[in-house]
């Protein structure tokens, strides 16, 4: 299955990396490692994580308070958002998923 990270999700990720690296040198890189481990878990079993809408699912990271919001599209996993869990749970719903 292919993986595609939507531009807005990439921006979410980069903002979070910058924030964590600003808090403690190297912490952003640890967050990136956890993000990519989460993507590996999703890739291994994309249907395992709970749905948050008709076609969208959410997988929580282990170490950081984040969720990866994604859709399964034919042969592609599309990452819609990298969401801090303190954000409004529907903040990503305006994203088109294209």
C-alpha atoms as a PDB file:
ATOM      1  CA  UNK A   1       0.000   0.000   0.000  1.00  0.00           C
ATOM      2  CA  UNK A   2       1.308   3.462  -0.925  1.00  0.00           C
ATOM      3  CA  UNK A   3       1.558   6.285   1.589  1.00  0.00           C
ATOM      4  CA  UNK A   4       0.767   9.909   0.861  1.00  0.00           C
ATOM      5  CA  UNK A   5       0.922  12.738   3.372  1.00  0.00           C
ATOM      6  CA  UNK A   6      -1.400  15.587   2.466  1.00  0.00           C
ATOM      7  CA  UNK A   7       0.281  19.006   2.387  1.00  0.00           C
ATOM      8  CA  UNK A   8      -1.671  20.274   5.412  1.00  0.00           C
ATOM      9  CA  UNK A   9      -0.663  17.181   7.399  1.00  0.00           C
ATOM     10  CA  UNK A  10       2.964  17.771   6.428  1.00  0.00           C
ATOM     11  CA  UNK A  11       2.612  21.323   7.755  1.00  0.00           C
ATOM     12  CA  UNK A  12       1.127  19.931  11.004  1.00  0.00           C
ATOM     13  CA  UNK A  13       4.110  17.610  11.326  1.00  0.00           C
ATOM     14  CA  UNK A  14       6.691  20.302  10.621  1.00  0.00           C
ATOM     15  CA  UNK A  15       5.102  22.734  13.097  1.00  0.00           C
ATOM     16  CA  UNK A  16       5.160  20.047  15.780  1.00  0.00           C
ATOM     17  CA  UNK A  17       8.787  19.171  15.022  1.00  0.00           C
ATOM     18  CA  UNK A  18       9.753  22.836  15.297  1.00  0.00           C
ATOM     19  CA  UNK A  19       7.858  23.198  18.575  1.00  0.00           C
ATOM     20  CA  UNK A  20       9.471  20.145  20.182  1.00  0.00           C
ATOM     21  CA  UNK A  21      12.969  21.059  18.960  1.00  0.00           C
ATOM     22  CA  UNK A  22      12.409  24.510  20.461  1.00  0.00           C
ATOM     23  CA  UNK A  23      11.458  22.961  23.794  1.00  0.00           C
ATOM     24  CA  UNK A  24      14.467  20.649  23.953  1.00  0.00           C
ATOM     25  CA  UNK A  25      17.172  20.090  21.318  1.00  0.00           C
ATOM     26  CA  UNK A  26      16.544  16.782  19.567  1.00  0.00           C
ATOM     27  CA  UNK A  27      13.045  16.251  20.976  1.00  0.00           C
ATOM     28  CA  UNK A  28      11.507  17.083  17.606  1.00  0.00           C
ATOM     29  CA  UNK A  29      13.544  14.306  16.021  1.00  0.00           C
ATOM     30  CA  UNK A  30      12.246  11.907  18.663  1.00  0.00           C
ATOM     31  CA  UNK A  31       8.723  13.034  17.779  1.00  0.00           C
ATOM     32  CA  UNK A  32       9.473  12.399  14.088  1.00  0.00           C
ATOM     33  CA  UNK A  33      10.669   8.874  14.933  1.00  0.00           C
ATOM     34  CA  UNK A  34       7.444   8.214  16.840  1.00  0.00           C
ATOM     35  CA  UNK A  35       5.359   9.629  13.977  1.00  0.00           C
ATOM     36  CA  UNK A  36       7.020   7.280  11.484  1.00  0.00           C
ATOM     37  CA  UNK A  37       6.635   4.301  13.846  1.00  0.00           C
ATOM     38  CA  UNK A  38       2.937   5.165  14.012  1.00  0.00           C
ATOM     39  CA  UNK A  39       2.779   5.178  10.210  1.00  0.00           C
ATOM     40  CA  UNK A  40       4.409   1.731  10.227  1.00  0.00           C
ATOM     41  CA  UNK A  41       1.717   0.450  12.599  1.00  0.00           C
ATOM     42  CA  UNK A  42      -0.996   1.896  10.366  1.00  0.00           C
ATOM     43  CA  UNK A  43       0.602   0.377   7.273  1.00  0.00           C
ATOM     44  CA  UNK A  44       0.801  -3.068   8.911  1.00  0.00           C
ATOM     45  CA  UNK A  45      -2.890  -3.078   9.817  1.00  0.00           C
ATOM     46  CA  UNK A  46      -4.787  -0.057   8.443  1.00  0.00           C
ATOM     47  CA  UNK A  47      -8.232  -1.256   9.579  1.00  0.00           C
ATOM     48  CA  UNK A  48      -7.166  -1.730  13.210  1.00  0.00           C
ATOM     49  CA  UNK A  49      -7.675   1.857  14.329  1.00  0.00           C
ATOM     50  CA  UNK A  50     -11.051   3.345  15.232  1.00  0.00           C
ATOM     51  CA  UNK A  51     -13.043   5.366  12.727  1.00  0.00           C
ATOM     52  CA  UNK A  52     -13.703   9.044  13.438  1.00  0.00           C
ATOM     53  CA  UNK A  53     -15.961   9.480  10.400  1.00  0.00           C
ATOM     54  CA  UNK A  54     -17.323   7.335   7.592  1.00  0.00           C
ATOM     55  CA  UNK A  55     -13.992   6.978   5.772  1.00  0.00           C
ATOM     56  CA  UNK A  56     -11.429   8.395   8.208  1.00  0.00           C
ATOM     57  CA  UNK A  57      -9.546   6.691  11.054  1.00  0.00           C
ATOM     58  CA  UNK A  58      -7.345   7.816  13.934  1.00  0.00           C
ATOM     59  CA  UNK A  59      -4.223   6.162  15.321  1.00  0.00           C
ATOM     60  CA  UNK A  60      -2.627   7.510  18.501  1.00  0.00           C
ATOM     61  CA  UNK A  61       1.112   7.878  18.886  1.00  0.00           C
ATOM     62  CA  UNK A  62       2.642   6.183  21.917  1.00  0.00           C
ATOM     63  CA  UNK A  63       4.937   8.740  23.495  1.00  0.00           C
ATOM     64  CA  UNK A  64       3.476  12.072  22.422  1.00  0.00           C
ATOM     65  CA  UNK A  65      -0.114  13.343  22.753  1.00  0.00           C
ATOM     66  CA  UNK A  66      -0.853  13.150  19.022  1.00  0.00           C
ATOM     67  CA  UNK A  67      -3.025  11.244  16.600  1.00  0.00           C
ATOM     68  CA  UNK A  68      -2.499  10.497  12.934  1.00  0.00           C
ATOM     69  CA  UNK A  69      -5.745  11.038  11.030  1.00  0.00           C
ATOM     70  CA  UNK A  70      -5.839   9.005   7.814  1.00  0.00           C
ATOM     71  CA  UNK A  71      -7.989   7.471   5.111  1.00  0.00           C
ATOM     72  CA  UNK A  72      -7.660   4.229   3.201  1.00  0.00           C
ATOM     73  CA  UNK A  73      -8.074   4.999  -0.500  1.00  0.00           C
ATOM     74  CA  UNK A  74      -7.841   2.015  -2.854  1.00  0.00           C
ATOM     75  CA  UNK A  75      -4.102   1.241  -2.660  1.00  0.00           C
ATOM     76  CA  UNK A  76      -3.117   4.409  -0.770  1.00  0.00           C
ATOM     77  CA  UNK A  77      -3.006   5.451   2.871  1.00  0.00           C
ATOM     78  CA  UNK A  78      -3.664   9.188   2.891  1.00  0.00           C
ATOM     79  CA  UNK A  79      -2.579  11.094   6.008  1.00  0.00           C
ATOM     80  CA  UNK A  80      -5.033  13.965   6.493  1.00  0.00           C
ATOM     81  CA  UNK A  81      -3.716  15.459   9.751  1.00  0.00           C
ATOM     82  CA  UNK A  82      -1.144  15.136  12.506  1.00  0.00           C
ATOM     83  CA  UNK A  83      -3.283  16.276  15.402  1.00  0.00           C
ATOM     84  CA  UNK A  84      -2.334  17.275  18.941  1.00  0.00           C
ATOM     85  CA  UNK A  85      -4.919  15.712  21.227  1.00  0.00           C
ATOM     86  CA  UNK A  86      -5.704  19.056  22.895  1.00  0.00           C
ATOM     87  CA  UNK A  87      -6.974  20.477  19.603  1.00  0.00           C
ATOM     88  CA  UNK A  88     -10.655  20.468  18.780  1.00  0.00           C
ATOM     89  CA  UNK A  89     -11.310  16.921  17.552  1.00  0.00           C
ATOM     90  CA  UNK A  90     -12.947  18.128  14.330  1.00  0.00           C
ATOM     91  CA  UNK A  91     -10.309  20.677  13.268  1.00  0.00           C
ATOM     92  CA  UNK A  92      -9.257  18.517  10.310  1.00  0.00           C
ATOM     93  CA  UNK A  93     -12.761  17.968   8.893  1.00  0.00           C
ATOM     94  CA  UNK A  94     -12.514  20.915   6.511  1.00  0.00           C
ATOM     95  CA  UNK A  95      -9.611  19.270   4.717  1.00  0.00           C
ATOM     96  CA  UNK A  96     -10.559  17.847   1.369  1.00  0.00           C
ATOM     97  CA  UNK A  97      -8.525  14.642   1.493  1.00  0.00           C
ATOM     98  CA  UNK A  98      -7.277  15.142  -2.074  1.00  0.00           C
END
